[in-house]
Amino acid sequence: MLNRRRFLASASAAAALAALGIAPEAVAAGRIKMGSSEKFSFDTLIARARDMAKTPYNPHNKVPRDILDQIDYEAHGKIRFNTDYAPFADGPGQFPLTFFHLGKFFLVPVHMYLLDGPGSAPTRAREILYNDNYFDMPADSPAHKLPAGSGFAGFRFQESRLADQQKKDWRSNDWVAFLGASYFRAIGDLYQYGLSARGIAIDVAEAGKKEEFPDFTHFFFEPSAPDSDTVVVYALLEGPSVTGAYRFTMRRAEGVTMEIDKSLFLRRDVARLGLAPATSMYWFSETVKGTGVDWRPEVHDSDGLAMWNGNGEHIWRPLNNPPHTIASAFADSGLRGFGLSQRDRDFDHYQDGVMYQRRPGLWVEPLENWGDGAVQLIEINTDDEIHDNIVAMWVPKAAATAGSNYRLRYRLYWQQDEPFPSPLARCVATRLGNGGQPGQPRPPNMRKFVVEFKGAPLEKLPFGTKPEVVLNTSRGSFSYIFAEPVPNGIAGHWRAQFDLAVDGEEPVDMRLFLRDKGEALTETWLFQYHPFKTSPVYR
């Protein structure tokens, strides 16, 4: 290792540290510990991941587990990164970088490196070595027992240091965070965290297999141009079944946009390989709510899966909290995009200070043709809002076998609305109730469905025209099918209503849209109904 004092004595060394976003005097004073310089480029990171995939998985967690177990939820909550140590706090770029601490629920040490130039070309990297001095914590915190160089749990970028500090202090406001396994998330344009994305999903809800959670183990941060709204981060991923190299180009504008370039290498066969996965929470909504479940009208981070398939059809699939784990597949070729959305933005529908109405949606846009495969939706039963029970991802049709490799480019949009909305009327509500007619005995195996649409094509319907309800089901029979304007005085707001009679306990898949003179007026509504006899949430 180079002699630090002699290194700092040279003007070139000082310039190098400044390029890394670290004040030279901070290193000289011993406040920030830096590793030795090493070569880096995205190509060499990809080669590193490829070579790792040829060797058996060997987790490198050398941090004492007994100490990490003492850093429980309460102890971890008292540990805060001291922003005086934040890289890029004085530039280059406008977004300071801060770190998360290890703990009982974040066991894997993650290594953080600063680059002295763009990682698209050969450059140099130096690791920021962990020191508990970087964090504000109580004197009796068990974190003080960790050895020097233990590592970090994750990172986040703070809001712009160039912004009006009276409105948004960068020290207490961040806009993107990477923490735990390969999870990451952003706040979107409504300034609220919600659902998460993942680098990869391995064997989610696969029968007879335990889900695997590969980890981002190394991050490399590229210096930004002075006033740039973009940051570039590279990551190395490793797990028992896969290795990977990632480049994240993240733009903080009105919302947050991420362009992801990744190379994956499989160590062994994977039954369900989930690419570009999103993870969210759906407990209950206006669609289905058991009596007395909770005092709030709705609780969810997302309320539906939106898809734009290769045929140009826009699809809306409301989410379920099913009686048991359900995997649904929507086969496609030439997928144009998909995402988990929070369409309901009315505070009165949630009545909660955690601001569910501000949770961002996450849209995935392939930047090349992904070929044949399926958008798969995994829905897992939950009885609380603390569990992420929803996963949406792209699963290639071809088998994911050991030795396979993948190169994908796609863009993620974190914002309140889908970036490519259909010109057709969109689904705005799905409601369920007892089937049959008021004043008449209600049939025991019949449910009533009311599906609402709103948008310009419905506004333009000639006076007196009623759209046709186009309706299909995987099983069961329909009755009392009709469409009518919602009687709220809002132009272009219609609802389709029907009863479904069905026996047995197997799920029922339905499809519906409105049309006039052979032309579709609305996006396509898909729904999976679980006959209420099997699920107390329907009672």
Protein backbone atom coordinates (compact mmCIF):
# COMPACT_ATOMS: atom_id res chain seq x y z
CA MET A 1 0.00 0.00 0.00
CA LEU A 2 1.19 3.50 -0.78
CA ASN A 3 2.42 5.72 2.06
CA ARG A 4 -0.55 8.02 2.62
CA ARG A 5 1.38 11.11 3.68
CA ARG A 6 3.79 10.87 0.77
CA PHE A 7 0.87 10.25 -1.58
CA LEU A 8 -0.98 13.32 -0.36
CA ALA A 9 2.11 15.47 -0.64
CA SER A 10 1.85 15.52 -4.41
CA ALA A 11 -0.50 17.87 -6.21
CA SER A 12 -1.50 15.09 -8.59
CA ALA A 13 -2.64 12.96 -5.67
CA ALA A 14 -4.73 15.81 -4.31
CA ALA A 15 -6.34 16.25 -7.71
CA ALA A 16 -7.05 12.53 -7.87
CA LEU A 17 -8.81 12.59 -4.52
CA ALA A 18 -10.84 15.62 -5.55
CA ALA A 19 -11.92 13.72 -8.66
CA LEU A 20 -13.11 10.95 -6.36
CA GLY A 21 -15.35 13.40 -4.53
CA ILE A 22 -13.25 13.24 -1.36
CA ALA A 23 -11.54 16.27 0.13
CA PRO A 24 -7.78 15.49 0.39
CA GLU A 25 -7.58 17.04 3.86
CA ALA A 26 -10.22 14.56 5.07
CA VAL A 27 -8.00 11.65 4.06
CA ALA A 28 -4.90 13.34 5.44
CA ALA A 29 -6.61 13.79 8.80
CA GLY A 30 -7.45 10.11 8.86
CA ARG A 31 -11.19 10.78 8.83
CA ILE A 32 -11.78 8.79 5.61
CA LYS A 33 -10.00 5.52 5.00
CA MET A 34 -9.28 4.68 1.36
CA GLY A 35 -7.91 1.48 -0.15
CA SER A 36 -5.22 1.31 -2.77
CA SER A 37 -5.89 2.25 -6.39
CA GLU A 38 -6.87 -0.49 -8.87
CA LYS A 39 -7.88 -0.67 -12.52
CA PHE A 40 -11.56 -0.64 -13.45
CA SER A 41 -13.83 -0.65 -16.50
CA PHE A 42 -17.29 -2.02 -17.19
CA ASP A 43 -15.78 -4.55 -19.59
CA THR A 44 -13.44 -5.88 -16.91
CA LEU A 45 -16.36 -6.05 -14.45
CA ILE A 46 -18.30 -8.16 -16.95
CA ALA A 47 -15.25 -10.39 -17.41
CA ARG A 48 -14.96 -10.72 -13.63
CA ALA A 49 -18.59 -11.83 -13.34
CA ARG A 50 -18.10 -14.32 -16.19
CA ASP A 51 -15.05 -15.84 -14.51
CA MET A 52 -16.80 -16.03 -11.14
CA ALA A 53 -19.64 -18.05 -12.70
CA LYS A 54 -17.14 -20.80 -13.57
CA THR A 55 -16.28 -21.32 -9.91
CA PRO A 56 -18.42 -22.60 -6.99
CA TYR A 57 -20.26 -20.03 -4.92
CA ASN A 58 -18.31 -19.07 -1.82
CA PRO A 59 -19.93 -16.35 0.31
CA HIS A 60 -17.31 -13.98 1.69
CA ASN A 61 -19.10 -12.71 4.79
CA LYS A 62 -16.33 -12.35 7.35
CA VAL A 63 -18.23 -9.95 9.61
CA PRO A 64 -18.93 -11.47 13.06
CA ARG A 65 -22.53 -12.72 12.96
CA ASP A 66 -22.95 -12.54 16.72
CA ILE A 67 -22.32 -8.78 16.62
CA LEU A 68 -24.62 -8.21 13.63
CA ASP A 69 -27.43 -10.05 15.42
CA GLN A 70 -27.17 -7.50 18.23
CA ILE A 71 -27.83 -4.66 15.75
CA ASP A 72 -31.58 -5.37 15.67
CA TYR A 73 -34.33 -3.15 14.30
CA GLU A 74 -34.18 -0.76 17.27
CA ALA A 75 -30.38 -0.55 17.38
CA HIS A 76 -30.12 -0.14 13.62
CA GLY A 77 -32.63 2.70 13.69
CA LYS A 78 -30.30 4.68 15.98
CA ILE A 79 -27.40 4.55 13.50
CA ARG A 80 -27.21 7.41 10.99
CA PHE A 81 -24.53 8.18 8.43
CA ASN A 82 -22.73 11.44 9.24
CA THR A 83 -23.10 13.56 6.12
CA ASP A 84 -19.82 15.34 6.90
CA TYR A 85 -18.20 12.25 5.38
CA ALA A 86 -20.43 12.10 2.28
CA PRO A 87 -18.56 11.70 -1.03
CA PHE A 88 -19.52 14.36 -3.60
CA ALA A 89 -20.78 16.69 -0.84
CA ASP A 90 -18.57 19.35 -2.45
CA GLY A 91 -18.81 17.92 -5.96
CA PRO A 92 -18.17 16.86 -8.59
CA GLY A 93 -21.82 16.52 -9.52
CA GLN A 94 -24.73 17.68 -7.42
CA PHE A 95 -25.79 14.54 -5.54
CA PRO A 96 -23.90 13.61 -2.35
CA LEU A 97 -23.51 9.90 -1.55
CA THR A 98 -24.33 8.36 1.84
CA PHE A 99 -24.25 4.80 3.21
CA PHE A 100 -26.32 2.35 5.25
CA HIS A 101 -24.88 0.39 8.15
CA LEU A 102 -24.79 -3.40 8.49
CA GLY A 103 -27.14 -5.08 10.96
CA LYS A 104 -29.23 -8.11 11.83
CA PHE A 105 -31.36 -7.70 8.72
CA PHE A 106 -28.52 -6.57 6.44
CA LEU A 107 -25.81 -9.17 6.97
CA VAL A 108 -23.86 -9.07 3.71
CA PRO A 109 -21.00 -6.53 3.62
CA VAL A 110 -21.01 -4.43 0.46
CA HIS A 111 -17.81 -2.82 -0.82
CA MET A 112 -17.99 0.76 -2.08
CA TYR A 113 -15.51 2.19 -4.61
CA LEU A 114 -15.02 5.66 -6.06
CA LEU A 115 -13.87 5.96 -9.67
CA ASP A 116 -11.64 8.77 -10.88
CA GLY A 117 -13.19 8.80 -14.35
CA PRO A 118 -15.95 7.24 -16.50
CA GLY A 119 -16.20 3.47 -16.06
CA SER A 120 -16.98 3.02 -19.75
CA ALA A 121 -13.23 3.43 -20.34
CA PRO A 122 -10.26 2.15 -18.30
CA THR A 123 -10.01 4.15 -15.11
CA ARG A 124 -8.97 3.74 -11.48
CA ALA A 125 -11.01 2.76 -8.43
CA ARG A 126 -10.35 3.13 -4.70
CA GLU A 127 -12.42 1.50 -1.98
CA ILE A 128 -13.89 3.48 0.89
CA LEU A 129 -12.94 1.39 3.92
CA TYR A 130 -15.57 1.08 6.63
CA ASN A 131 -15.02 2.93 9.89
CA ASP A 132 -17.65 3.39 12.60
CA ASN A 133 -16.63 7.05 12.79
CA TYR A 134 -18.62 7.60 9.59
CA PHE A 135 -21.84 6.99 11.55
CA ASP A 136 -23.55 8.77 14.39
CA MET A 137 -24.61 6.16 16.94
CA PRO A 138 -25.03 5.79 20.70
CA ALA A 139 -21.91 5.12 22.73
CA ASP A 140 -23.26 1.71 23.73
CA SER A 141 -24.24 0.67 20.18
CA PRO A 142 -23.10 -2.90 19.39
CA ALA A 143 -21.93 -1.54 16.02
CA HIS A 144 -18.81 -0.21 17.77
CA LYS A 145 -17.69 -3.84 18.20
CA LEU A 146 -17.39 -4.44 14.44
CA PRO A 147 -13.81 -4.61 13.13
CA ALA A 148 -12.48 -1.87 10.86
CA GLY A 149 -13.12 -2.54 7.18
CA SER A 150 -16.28 -4.59 7.84
CA GLY A 151 -18.17 -2.99 4.96
CA PHE A 152 -21.46 -1.22 4.40
CA ALA A 153 -24.99 -2.50 3.86
CA GLY A 154 -25.98 -0.21 0.99
CA PHE A 155 -26.07 3.37 -0.24
CA ARG A 156 -28.30 6.23 -1.28
CA PHE A 157 -27.95 9.41 -3.27
CA GLN A 158 -29.13 12.55 -1.53
CA GLU A 159 -31.06 15.32 -3.22
CA SER A 160 -29.10 18.04 -4.98
CA ARG A 161 -26.64 20.01 -2.88
CA LEU A 162 -27.26 22.89 -5.32
CA ALA A 163 -30.99 23.10 -4.55
CA ASP A 164 -32.65 25.69 -2.34
CA GLN A 165 -31.72 24.34 1.07
CA GLN A 166 -34.68 26.05 2.73
CA LYS A 167 -36.98 23.91 0.62
CA LYS A 168 -35.03 20.64 0.46
CA ASP A 169 -31.95 20.04 2.59
CA TRP A 170 -29.86 17.37 0.88
CA ARG A 171 -28.65 16.08 4.24
CA SER A 172 -32.10 14.83 5.17
CA ASN A 173 -33.60 14.02 1.75
CA ASP A 174 -32.58 11.24 -0.63
CA TRP A 175 -34.01 10.11 -3.97
CA VAL A 176 -32.65 6.60 -4.60
CA ALA A 177 -31.54 3.80 -2.27
CA PHE A 178 -29.91 0.38 -2.73
CA LEU A 179 -30.25 -1.81 0.37
CA GLY A 180 -30.46 -5.55 0.93
CA ALA A 181 -29.71 -8.36 -1.56
CA SER A 182 -30.26 -6.78 -5.01
CA TYR A 183 -33.14 -4.50 -3.98
CA PHE A 184 -33.31 -0.80 -4.90
CA ARG A 185 -35.96 1.89 -5.13
CA ALA A 186 -36.58 5.55 -5.97
CA ILE A 187 -39.04 8.22 -4.90
CA GLY A 188 -40.51 9.22 -8.27
CA ASP A 189 -42.15 12.59 -8.84
CA LEU A 190 -44.35 12.52 -5.71
CA TYR A 191 -41.38 12.32 -3.32
CA GLN A 192 -42.39 9.04 -1.70
CA TYR A 193 -40.74 5.64 -1.53
CA GLY A 194 -42.92 2.60 -2.16
CA LEU A 195 -42.32 -0.50 -4.24
CA SER A 196 -38.84 -1.86 -5.02
CA ALA A 197 -36.99 -3.18 -8.04
CA ARG A 198 -34.45 -6.01 -7.94
CA GLY A 199 -31.38 -6.86 -9.93
CA ILE A 200 -32.75 -10.37 -10.49
CA ALA A 201 -35.31 -12.82 -9.09
CA ILE A 202 -34.44 -16.52 -8.75
CA ASP A 203 -37.12 -19.21 -8.30
CA VAL A 204 -39.83 -16.99 -6.83
CA ALA A 205 -42.76 -19.18 -5.72
CA GLU A 206 -41.28 -22.18 -7.50
CA ALA A 207 -42.68 -25.44 -6.13
CA GLY A 208 -40.11 -27.51 -4.27
CA LYS A 209 -37.47 -24.77 -4.38
CA LYS A 210 -36.38 -22.11 -1.94
CA GLU A 211 -36.20 -18.61 -3.39
CA GLU A 212 -32.66 -17.36 -3.83
CA PHE A 213 -31.63 -13.78 -3.13
CA PRO A 214 -28.34 -12.89 -4.88
CA ASP A 215 -26.47 -9.90 -3.51
CA PHE A 216 -24.91 -6.79 -4.95
CA THR A 217 -21.51 -7.16 -3.30
CA HIS A 218 -19.55 -4.30 -4.91
CA PHE A 219 -20.58 -0.84 -6.11
CA PHE A 220 -18.47 1.59 -8.16
CA PHE A 221 -19.45 5.27 -8.35
CA GLU A 222 -18.54 7.40 -11.34
CA PRO A 223 -17.95 11.15 -10.82
CA SER A 224 -20.61 13.31 -12.46
CA ALA A 225 -20.30 16.51 -14.46
CA PRO A 226 -20.76 19.66 -12.32
CA ASP A 227 -24.45 20.35 -12.97
CA SER A 228 -25.48 16.96 -14.34
CA ASP A 229 -28.82 15.48 -13.24
CA THR A 230 -27.42 11.98 -13.82
CA VAL A 231 -25.32 9.56 -11.78
CA VAL A 232 -23.68 6.35 -13.01
CA VAL A 233 -23.14 3.36 -10.75
CA TYR A 234 -21.67 -0.06 -11.53
CA ALA A 235 -22.46 -3.18 -9.51
CA LEU A 236 -21.21 -6.74 -9.15
CA LEU A 237 -23.85 -9.35 -8.32
CA GLU A 238 -23.29 -12.83 -6.92
CA GLY A 239 -25.41 -15.71 -5.69
CA PRO A 240 -25.35 -19.52 -5.65
CA SER A 241 -26.96 -19.70 -9.12
CA VAL A 242 -25.86 -16.51 -10.85
CA THR A 243 -23.28 -13.77 -11.22
CA GLY A 244 -23.70 -10.46 -12.97
CA ALA A 245 -22.32 -7.04 -13.87
CA TYR A 246 -24.60 -3.99 -13.96
CA ARG A 247 -24.40 -0.38 -15.10
CA PHE A 248 -27.08 1.97 -13.68
CA THR A 249 -27.45 5.35 -15.37
CA MET A 250 -29.86 7.17 -13.06
CA ARG A 251 -31.44 10.52 -13.86
CA ARG A 252 -33.11 12.72 -11.25
CA ALA A 253 -35.55 14.98 -13.06
CA GLU A 254 -39.26 15.42 -12.37
CA GLY A 255 -39.33 11.71 -11.59
CA VAL A 256 -36.51 9.17 -11.59
CA THR A 257 -35.40 7.29 -14.70
CA MET A 258 -32.85 4.48 -14.70
CA GLU A 259 -31.23 2.91 -17.73
CA ILE A 260 -29.84 -0.52 -16.87
CA ASP A 261 -27.27 -2.48 -18.86
CA LYS A 262 -26.55 -5.89 -17.35
CA SER A 263 -24.76 -9.13 -18.14
CA LEU A 264 -25.79 -12.29 -16.29
CA PHE A 265 -24.04 -15.67 -16.09
CA LEU A 266 -25.72 -18.77 -14.65
CA ARG A 267 -23.75 -21.10 -12.40
CA ARG A 268 -26.54 -23.68 -12.37
CA ASP A 269 -30.03 -24.33 -13.73
CA VAL A 270 -32.77 -21.94 -12.64
CA ALA A 271 -36.41 -23.03 -12.81
CA ARG A 272 -37.88 -19.51 -12.83
CA LEU A 273 -35.50 -16.78 -13.96
CA GLY A 274 -37.05 -13.36 -13.29
CA LEU A 275 -35.53 -10.47 -15.25
CA ALA A 276 -36.28 -6.80 -14.48
CA PRO A 277 -38.35 -7.77 -11.42
CA ALA A 278 -40.48 -5.38 -9.38
CA THR A 279 -41.67 -6.17 -5.84
CA SER A 280 -44.60 -4.51 -4.11
CA MET A 281 -47.28 -4.83 -1.42
CA TYR A 282 -51.01 -5.31 -1.86
CA TRP A 283 -53.13 -6.13 1.20
CA PHE A 284 -56.64 -4.96 0.32
CA SER A 285 -58.50 -2.27 -1.63
CA GLU A 286 -61.98 -1.19 -2.67
CA THR A 287 -62.08 -4.30 -4.87
CA VAL A 288 -62.11 -6.82 -2.03
CA LYS A 289 -62.02 -6.17 1.72
CA GLY A 290 -63.04 -8.56 4.46
CA THR A 291 -65.27 -7.18 7.23
CA GLY A 292 -63.22 -5.55 9.98
CA VAL A 293 -59.84 -6.31 8.43
CA ASP A 294 -58.50 -2.84 9.14
CA TRP A 295 -59.81 0.64 9.87
CA ARG A 296 -58.47 2.08 6.62
CA PRO A 297 -60.38 1.81 3.32
CA GLU A 298 -57.34 0.57 1.34
CA VAL A 299 -53.76 -0.50 2.03
CA HIS A 300 -51.37 -1.12 -0.87
CA ASP A 301 -48.22 0.21 -2.56
CA SER A 302 -49.55 -0.83 -5.99
CA ASP A 303 -53.05 -1.70 -7.16
CA GLY A 304 -52.45 -3.25 -10.56
CA LEU A 305 -50.15 -4.67 -13.21
CA ALA A 306 -50.08 -2.71 -16.47
CA MET A 307 -48.79 -4.28 -19.68
CA TRP A 308 -48.22 -3.12 -23.25
CA ASN A 309 -47.74 -6.27 -25.27
CA GLY A 310 -46.06 -6.94 -28.57
CA ASN A 311 -49.40 -6.67 -30.42
CA GLY A 312 -49.90 -3.14 -29.10
CA GLU A 313 -52.65 -4.05 -26.63
CA HIS A 314 -52.72 -2.17 -23.31
CA ILE A 315 -53.79 -4.42 -20.42
CA TRP A 316 -54.73 -3.69 -16.81
CA ARG A 317 -54.73 -6.53 -14.28
CA PRO A 318 -55.90 -5.50 -10.76
CA LEU A 319 -53.88 -7.13 -8.01
CA ASN A 320 -55.19 -9.75 -5.59
CA ASN A 321 -54.39 -10.88 -2.09
CA PRO A 322 -55.15 -14.53 -2.89
CA PRO A 323 -55.97 -17.32 -0.42
CA HIS A 324 -52.68 -19.00 -1.41
CA THR A 325 -49.70 -18.22 -3.63
CA ILE A 326 -50.69 -17.80 -7.28
CA ALA A 327 -48.39 -17.47 -10.32
CA SER A 328 -49.96 -15.99 -13.46
CA ALA A 329 -48.16 -15.87 -16.82
CA PHE A 330 -48.97 -13.51 -19.70
CA ALA A 331 -47.15 -14.91 -22.72
CA ASP A 332 -45.77 -12.40 -25.21
CA SER A 333 -43.25 -11.78 -27.95
CA GLY A 334 -41.73 -8.37 -28.53
CA LEU A 335 -42.96 -6.99 -25.21
CA ARG A 336 -43.14 -3.18 -25.21
CA GLY A 337 -43.34 -2.72 -21.44
CA PHE A 338 -44.93 -3.62 -18.13
CA GLY A 339 -45.11 -2.25 -14.62
CA LEU A 340 -46.74 -2.18 -11.23
CA SER A 341 -48.83 0.97 -10.78
CA GLN A 342 -50.65 2.88 -8.07
CA ARG A 343 -53.54 4.36 -10.05
CA ASP A 344 -55.68 5.41 -7.10
CA ARG A 345 -54.30 8.81 -6.00
CA ASP A 346 -57.10 9.92 -3.67
CA PHE A 347 -56.03 10.38 -0.03
CA ASP A 348 -59.60 9.77 1.14
CA HIS A 349 -59.31 6.22 -0.18
CA TYR A 350 -56.42 5.49 2.23
CA GLN A 351 -56.71 7.91 5.19
CA ASP A 352 -53.15 7.13 6.24
CA GLY A 353 -50.25 9.42 7.07
CA VAL A 354 -47.78 7.09 5.33
CA MET A 355 -49.17 8.50 2.07
CA TYR A 356 -50.07 5.43 0.06
CA GLN A 357 -51.64 7.75 -2.53
CA ARG A 358 -48.14 9.08 -3.33
CA ARG A 359 -46.40 5.75 -3.89
CA PRO A 360 -44.63 5.70 -7.29
CA GLY A 361 -45.38 3.30 -10.07
CA LEU A 362 -42.54 1.41 -11.75
CA TRP A 363 -42.57 0.85 -15.52
CA VAL A 364 -40.09 -1.41 -17.34
CA GLU A 365 -39.28 -0.53 -20.96
CA PRO A 366 -37.12 -3.02 -22.93
CA LEU A 367 -34.54 -1.18 -25.04
CA GLU A 368 -34.28 -4.10 -27.43
CA ASN A 369 -36.48 -7.05 -28.37
CA TRP A 370 -36.51 -9.55 -25.52
CA GLY A 371 -37.97 -12.24 -27.76
CA ASP A 372 -40.40 -14.88 -26.50
CA GLY A 373 -41.37 -15.19 -22.87
CA ALA A 374 -43.97 -14.03 -20.40
CA VAL A 375 -44.66 -11.32 -17.91
CA GLN A 376 -45.21 -13.34 -14.76
CA LEU A 377 -47.14 -12.06 -11.76
CA ILE A 378 -46.65 -13.70 -8.37
CA GLU A 379 -49.29 -12.96 -5.73
CA ILE A 380 -48.75 -14.22 -2.18
CA ASN A 381 -51.29 -14.19 0.63
CA THR A 382 -50.63 -11.65 3.37
CA ASP A 383 -52.45 -10.49 6.50
CA ASP A 384 -50.42 -7.32 7.03
CA GLU A 385 -48.87 -4.41 5.17
CA ILE A 386 -45.33 -5.19 6.35
CA HIS A 387 -44.86 -7.94 3.75
CA ASP A 388 -44.00 -7.46 0.08
CA ASN A 389 -46.30 -10.07 -1.43
CA ILE A 390 -46.33 -9.07 -5.12
CA VAL A 391 -43.66 -9.74 -7.78
CA ALA A 392 -43.86 -8.86 -11.49
CA MET A 393 -41.05 -9.86 -13.84
CA TRP A 394 -40.11 -10.99 -17.34
CA VAL A 395 -39.36 -14.71 -17.66
CA PRO A 396 -37.75 -15.87 -20.94
CA LYS A 397 -39.35 -18.84 -22.70
CA ALA A 398 -36.05 -20.65 -23.20
CA ALA A 399 -34.85 -22.76 -20.28
CA ALA A 400 -32.35 -21.04 -17.97
CA THR A 401 -29.58 -23.62 -17.79
CA ALA A 402 -26.12 -23.62 -16.23
CA GLY A 403 -23.63 -21.85 -18.49
CA SER A 404 -26.28 -19.59 -20.06
CA ASN A 405 -25.61 -15.87 -20.26
CA TYR A 406 -27.84 -12.86 -20.84
CA ARG A 407 -27.20 -9.26 -21.89
CA LEU A 408 -30.16 -6.95 -21.30
CA ARG A 409 -30.79 -3.25 -21.60
CA TYR A 410 -33.95 -1.68 -20.25
CA ARG A 411 -35.24 1.53 -18.73
CA LEU A 412 -37.10 1.95 -15.44
CA TYR A 413 -39.50 4.84 -14.90
CA TRP A 414 -40.32 5.73 -11.30
CA GLN A 415 -43.25 8.13 -11.53
CA GLN A 416 -46.90 8.57 -10.67
CA ASP A 417 -48.25 7.53 -14.08
CA GLU A 418 -47.25 5.11 -16.80
CA PRO A 419 -44.89 6.76 -19.31
CA PHE A 420 -46.70 5.31 -22.35
CA PRO A 421 -50.42 5.40 -21.48
CA SER A 422 -52.95 3.99 -23.90
CA PRO A 423 -54.99 6.51 -25.92
CA LEU A 424 -58.00 4.37 -24.98
CA ALA A 425 -60.04 4.83 -21.81
CA ARG A 426 -58.33 3.27 -18.81
CA CYS A 427 -59.67 1.13 -16.01
CA VAL A 428 -60.10 3.19 -12.83
CA ALA A 429 -61.91 0.81 -10.47
CA THR A 430 -62.90 -2.82 -9.97
CA ARG A 431 -65.66 -3.60 -7.47
CA LEU A 432 -67.15 -6.91 -6.26
CA GLY A 433 -70.39 -7.69 -4.46
CA ASN A 434 -73.11 -10.30 -4.09
CA GLY A 435 -74.66 -11.37 -7.37
CA GLY A 436 -78.34 -11.32 -8.23
CA GLN A 437 -80.95 -8.60 -8.02
CA PRO A 438 -82.00 -6.41 -5.07
CA GLY A 439 -85.16 -7.72 -3.40
CA GLN A 440 -84.60 -11.21 -4.79
CA PRO A 441 -82.94 -14.25 -3.12
CA ARG A 442 -79.20 -14.01 -3.79
CA PRO A 443 -77.73 -17.09 -5.53
CA PRO A 444 -75.00 -18.66 -3.35
CA ASN A 445 -72.41 -19.11 -6.12
CA MET A 446 -72.81 -15.81 -7.93
CA ARG A 447 -70.69 -12.65 -7.70
CA LYS A 448 -71.38 -9.23 -9.16
CA PHE A 449 -68.56 -7.30 -10.85
CA VAL A 450 -68.50 -3.59 -11.64
CA VAL A 451 -65.55 -2.40 -13.75
CA GLU A 452 -65.13 1.34 -14.33
CA PHE A 453 -63.39 3.02 -17.26
CA LYS A 454 -62.69 6.68 -17.92
CA GLY A 455 -61.14 8.46 -20.89
CA ALA A 456 -61.48 10.41 -24.12
CA PRO A 457 -62.95 7.65 -26.37
CA LEU A 458 -65.89 7.32 -23.98
CA GLU A 459 -66.36 11.09 -23.91
CA LYS A 460 -66.74 11.09 -27.69
CA LEU A 461 -69.55 8.51 -27.82
CA PRO A 462 -72.61 9.93 -29.62
CA PHE A 463 -75.50 10.80 -27.33
CA GLY A 464 -77.62 7.74 -26.59
CA THR A 465 -74.93 5.25 -27.65
CA LYS A 466 -74.10 2.43 -25.27
CA PRO A 467 -70.81 0.61 -25.78
CA GLU A 468 -70.72 -3.14 -26.18
CA VAL A 469 -69.31 -5.18 -23.29
CA VAL A 470 -66.87 -7.77 -24.66
CA LEU A 471 -66.45 -10.38 -21.94
CA ASN A 472 -64.76 -13.79 -21.67
CA THR A 473 -64.11 -16.24 -18.84
CA SER A 474 -62.04 -19.38 -18.29
CA ARG A 475 -65.05 -21.04 -16.66
CA GLY A 476 -68.50 -20.20 -15.30
CA SER A 477 -71.32 -18.26 -16.93
CA PHE A 478 -72.34 -14.59 -17.16
CA SER A 479 -75.65 -12.83 -16.71
CA TYR A 480 -77.02 -9.27 -16.27
CA ILE A 481 -74.34 -7.84 -18.59
CA PHE A 482 -74.63 -4.14 -19.44
CA ALA A 483 -72.73 -0.84 -19.60
CA GLU A 484 -73.91 2.53 -18.27
CA PRO A 485 -72.47 5.95 -17.49
CA VAL A 486 -71.39 6.37 -13.88
CA PRO A 487 -73.99 8.80 -12.46
CA ASN A 488 -71.49 11.36 -11.17
CA GLY A 489 -71.74 13.93 -13.95
CA ILE A 490 -68.19 13.23 -15.23
CA ALA A 491 -68.04 12.87 -19.00
CA GLY A 492 -66.41 9.72 -20.30
CA HIS A 493 -66.81 7.77 -17.03
CA TRP A 494 -68.58 4.46 -17.69
CA ARG A 495 -68.94 1.14 -15.95
CA ALA A 496 -69.49 -2.39 -17.16
CA GLN A 497 -71.53 -4.62 -14.87
CA PHE A 498 -72.10 -8.38 -14.90
CA ASP A 499 -72.75 -11.38 -12.69
CA LEU A 500 -70.56 -14.47 -12.71
CA ALA A 501 -71.96 -17.84 -11.63
CA VAL A 502 -69.31 -20.45 -10.94
CA ASP A 503 -68.92 -23.66 -8.93
CA GLY A 504 -65.80 -25.10 -7.38
CA GLU A 505 -62.74 -23.54 -5.83
CA GLU A 506 -60.39 -23.09 -8.77
CA PRO A 507 -59.51 -19.50 -9.82
CA VAL A 508 -61.46 -17.91 -12.64
CA ASP A 509 -59.68 -15.72 -15.24
CA MET A 510 -61.77 -13.07 -16.97
CA ARG A 511 -61.18 -10.58 -19.75
CA LEU A 512 -63.25 -7.49 -20.58
CA PHE A 513 -63.20 -4.32 -22.68
CA LEU A 514 -65.72 -1.91 -24.19
CA ARG A 515 -66.12 -1.31 -27.91
CA ASP A 516 -68.35 0.48 -30.36
CA LYS A 517 -68.85 -0.45 -34.02
CA GLY A 518 -66.01 -2.96 -33.82
CA GLU A 519 -63.49 -0.48 -32.37
CA ALA A 520 -62.07 -0.85 -28.88
CA LEU A 521 -62.83 2.10 -26.61
CA THR A 522 -60.92 0.93 -23.53
CA GLU A 523 -57.81 -0.91 -22.50
CA THR A 524 -58.31 -4.58 -21.67
CA TRP A 525 -59.26 -5.53 -18.11
CA LEU A 526 -58.01 -8.87 -16.87
CA PHE A 527 -58.98 -10.27 -13.49
CA GLN A 528 -58.47 -13.46 -11.53
CA TYR A 529 -61.36 -14.23 -9.23
CA HIS A 530 -60.99 -16.67 -6.35
CA PRO A 531 -64.41 -18.11 -5.43
CA PHE A 532 -65.23 -16.67 -2.03
CA LYS A 533 -65.83 -20.02 -0.33
CA THR A 534 -62.07 -20.62 -0.26
CA SER A 535 -61.01 -17.17 0.93
CA PRO A 536 -62.19 -15.42 4.10
CA VAL A 537 -61.11 -12.07 2.64
CA TYR A 538 -64.16 -12.25 0.34
CA ARG A 539 -66.60 -12.69 3.22
